[in-house]
Amino acid sequence: MNSQISESGASHAPQHTLHLTIVNNGLSKPIAIDREATVKALLDRAIALFGNIPAPHTQSLWTEKGVELTNENETLKAAHIHNGETLLLRPGAVKGGSH
């Protein structure tokens, strides 16, 4: 009976930490972050993870399906980012700055 409780508890326990892969210019790096963190927090960590990125203020996170994560105040959970997902770090569609 104890094994059933721990088994079902472990399999249905909410995942609080997301283990993601960030890809930038063909280079992949793993990152772990709380699912309640904001898109902005993940973006900042991803930029720091890759070091000297040209024009970091223009960078955005994108899903593998080509969807840009534009709401930087949204939590990763609300943005439907799931454990094991790969995100792309590349220039954003609207962040280039307009003159």
Protein backbone atom coordinates (compact mmCIF):
# COMPACT_ATOMS: atom_id res chain seq x y z
CA MET A 1 0.00 0.00 0.00
CA ASN A 2 2.83 2.39 0.76
CA SER A 3 4.37 1.79 -2.66
CA GLN A 4 1.08 2.77 -4.34
CA ILE A 5 0.91 6.03 -2.41
CA SER A 6 4.50 7.04 -3.12
CA GLU A 7 4.24 5.88 -6.72
CA SER A 8 1.11 7.90 -7.46
CA GLY A 9 2.43 10.83 -5.45
CA ALA A 10 5.66 10.89 -7.41
CA SER A 11 4.07 10.50 -10.83
CA HIS A 12 1.42 13.19 -10.26
CA ALA A 13 3.53 15.64 -8.27
CA PRO A 14 3.74 19.04 -9.98
CA GLN A 15 7.10 19.79 -11.56
CA HIS A 16 8.34 23.06 -10.03
CA THR A 17 11.66 23.18 -11.85
CA LEU A 18 11.81 23.22 -15.62
CA HIS A 19 14.84 21.68 -17.28
CA LEU A 20 15.10 23.41 -20.64
CA THR A 21 17.56 23.62 -23.49
CA ILE A 22 18.46 27.02 -24.91
CA VAL A 23 19.88 27.16 -28.44
CA ASN A 24 21.86 30.14 -29.74
CA ASN A 25 23.69 30.08 -33.08
CA GLY A 26 23.61 26.29 -33.16
CA LEU A 27 25.03 25.89 -29.65
CA SER A 28 22.77 24.18 -27.07
CA LYS A 29 23.03 24.71 -23.33
CA PRO A 30 20.88 23.29 -20.52
CA ILE A 31 19.20 25.56 -18.00
CA ALA A 32 17.02 24.87 -14.96
CA ILE A 33 14.51 27.46 -13.77
CA ASP A 34 11.36 27.60 -11.66
CA ARG A 35 8.17 27.34 -13.72
CA GLU A 36 6.81 30.38 -11.86
CA ALA A 37 9.73 32.54 -13.08
CA THR A 38 8.92 35.13 -15.73
CA VAL A 39 9.85 34.95 -19.39
CA LYS A 40 12.09 37.99 -18.73
CA ALA A 41 13.95 36.12 -15.96
CA LEU A 42 14.59 33.20 -18.30
CA LEU A 43 15.64 35.54 -21.11
CA ASP A 44 18.12 37.32 -18.83
CA ARG A 45 19.56 33.99 -17.65
CA ALA A 46 19.77 32.66 -21.20
CA ILE A 47 21.66 35.76 -22.38
CA ALA A 48 24.06 35.43 -19.43
CA LEU A 49 24.48 31.71 -20.15
CA PHE A 50 25.87 32.42 -23.61
CA GLY A 51 28.06 35.32 -22.50
CA ASN A 52 29.03 38.00 -24.97
CA ILE A 53 25.99 38.18 -27.27
CA PRO A 54 25.93 41.13 -29.67
CA ALA A 55 23.01 43.51 -28.95
CA PRO A 56 21.55 41.49 -26.06
CA HIS A 57 18.64 43.97 -25.75
CA THR A 58 17.35 42.74 -29.13
CA GLN A 59 17.22 39.06 -28.10
CA SER A 60 14.02 37.08 -27.52
CA LEU A 61 13.11 33.52 -26.71
CA TRP A 62 11.29 31.49 -29.35
CA THR A 63 9.67 28.07 -29.24
CA GLU A 64 10.73 25.44 -31.74
CA LYS A 65 7.41 26.08 -33.52
CA GLY A 66 8.52 29.66 -34.25
CA VAL A 67 6.43 31.40 -31.60
CA GLU A 68 8.15 34.35 -29.93
CA LEU A 69 7.62 34.71 -26.18
CA THR A 70 6.69 38.38 -26.27
CA ASN A 71 5.07 38.86 -22.84
CA GLU A 72 8.13 39.14 -20.63
CA ASN A 73 6.02 39.51 -17.45
CA GLU A 74 4.23 36.21 -18.02
CA THR A 75 5.31 33.19 -15.99
CA LEU A 76 6.78 30.23 -17.85
CA LYS A 77 3.82 28.18 -16.63
CA ALA A 78 1.36 30.70 -18.11
CA ALA A 79 3.39 30.76 -21.35
CA HIS A 80 2.89 26.96 -21.57
CA ILE A 81 6.61 26.18 -21.40
CA HIS A 82 7.04 22.55 -20.43
CA ASN A 83 9.83 20.52 -18.89
CA GLY A 84 12.29 19.24 -21.48
CA GLU A 85 11.43 21.91 -24.06
CA THR A 86 14.00 23.56 -26.32
CA LEU A 87 13.86 27.33 -26.77
CA LEU A 88 15.77 29.43 -29.27
CA LEU A 89 17.60 32.60 -28.26
CA ARG A 90 17.65 34.93 -31.26
CA PRO A 91 16.71 38.49 -32.22
CA GLY A 92 13.10 39.39 -31.55
CA ALA A 93 10.65 40.45 -34.23
CA VAL A 94 9.74 43.69 -32.43
CA LYS A 95 12.81 44.45 -30.33
CA GLY A 96 15.08 45.96 -32.95
CA GLY A 97 14.05 49.46 -31.94
CA SER A 98 12.33 51.93 -34.23
CA HIS A 99 13.66 55.34 -35.16
